[in-house]
């Protein structure tokens, strides 16, 4: 089996792709994989780190306002499609899968035009422009939220869940705890603002750092590389509390997730797949800067199921954050109810379901 995978821009598109690739190699060790991304995207770092064959095209996303840049984007799309066709002709894949982000537009479109079976995977409750466009050309559309189904051609939609959920089911929690030097006798909160970090969450946390230092639980704070130096400086000014661990990025996130008790995060689809697979209670602060406010819609699905507390960025401040964390840990019954609710929303078979879909449509 020969598979071309494309997706990029953010970890929310890349991590499901990597999890799917692992599942493909697990079920079919002889499978050959080619990943097509962009040179400047996060996928260049994350995919090559895994030793997966990687090629690039140059493409940018559309701006929602009328702009000369959109004309350039159309020209880059056409050039990217030509480049993708050449790569596909050379590699001869049995199937092509796009996991989101504008880079997969030319790749998946080229595959469809060449008669190569193609699938797109939509992680969010509200799809982006690229997947809406591609849905007209692909064989199947894999979704993770039922709310996404109406945006796509009815006969093409298959509910699979997010492949990342499967990967976190096989975590090594002890290794995750050891990698950060966690105290096994304390409850642990993971606060993370996504692969690029989130300044409003940073500001809220830092404003109550002196209170956090006196709590019985410990906190892992993942700042994002852009904000790491500024946050580290603030933590140092407060005396480097022994129960606070600050990191710019965590590469072994599945193992770390297995070692924590509560997650404070944005509401990207991949994050939600991870925490529901593990039954982790969460405090979700949806990013207001995403297409069609899809993160809030993602988050509300967990809130309605009793698995999460949702705070809009406009509502979030340090006092509210620490109050919410304390409320989850104040009673064992409160944590267990959220834990059970999260587990009910998880889809641990997601990676194998997407793999089966690829097999079904492959030539």
Foldseek 3Di string as FASTA:
>chain_A
DEEEEEEFAFPLQQLLRVLLVVVCCVVPVPYAYEYEYAPPTPCVVVVVVVVHHYHYADADDDDPDDDPVNVVRVVSLVVLLVVLLVVCVVRVGLEYEYRYDPSCQSNLVSCLVVVRAYEYEALFLDGDPSCLVSLVRHQAYEYADPSHQVSHDNVRYDHQHGSLLQVLVPAQQVVLCVVQVHDLVAAEEEEAEGQQFDVLVLQQALVCVLVVLPDRHAYEYAGAQVCQVVSVVSCVVSPVRPRYHYHPDDPRVSNNLLNHAEYEYEQRSSVLQHCLSQLHAYEYAHDPPDPPSRRVVSVVVLVVLLQYHYDYSVRGHNVVVVVVVCVCVVDPVSSVSNSVSSPVSHRNCRSVSVVVVRVVRGD
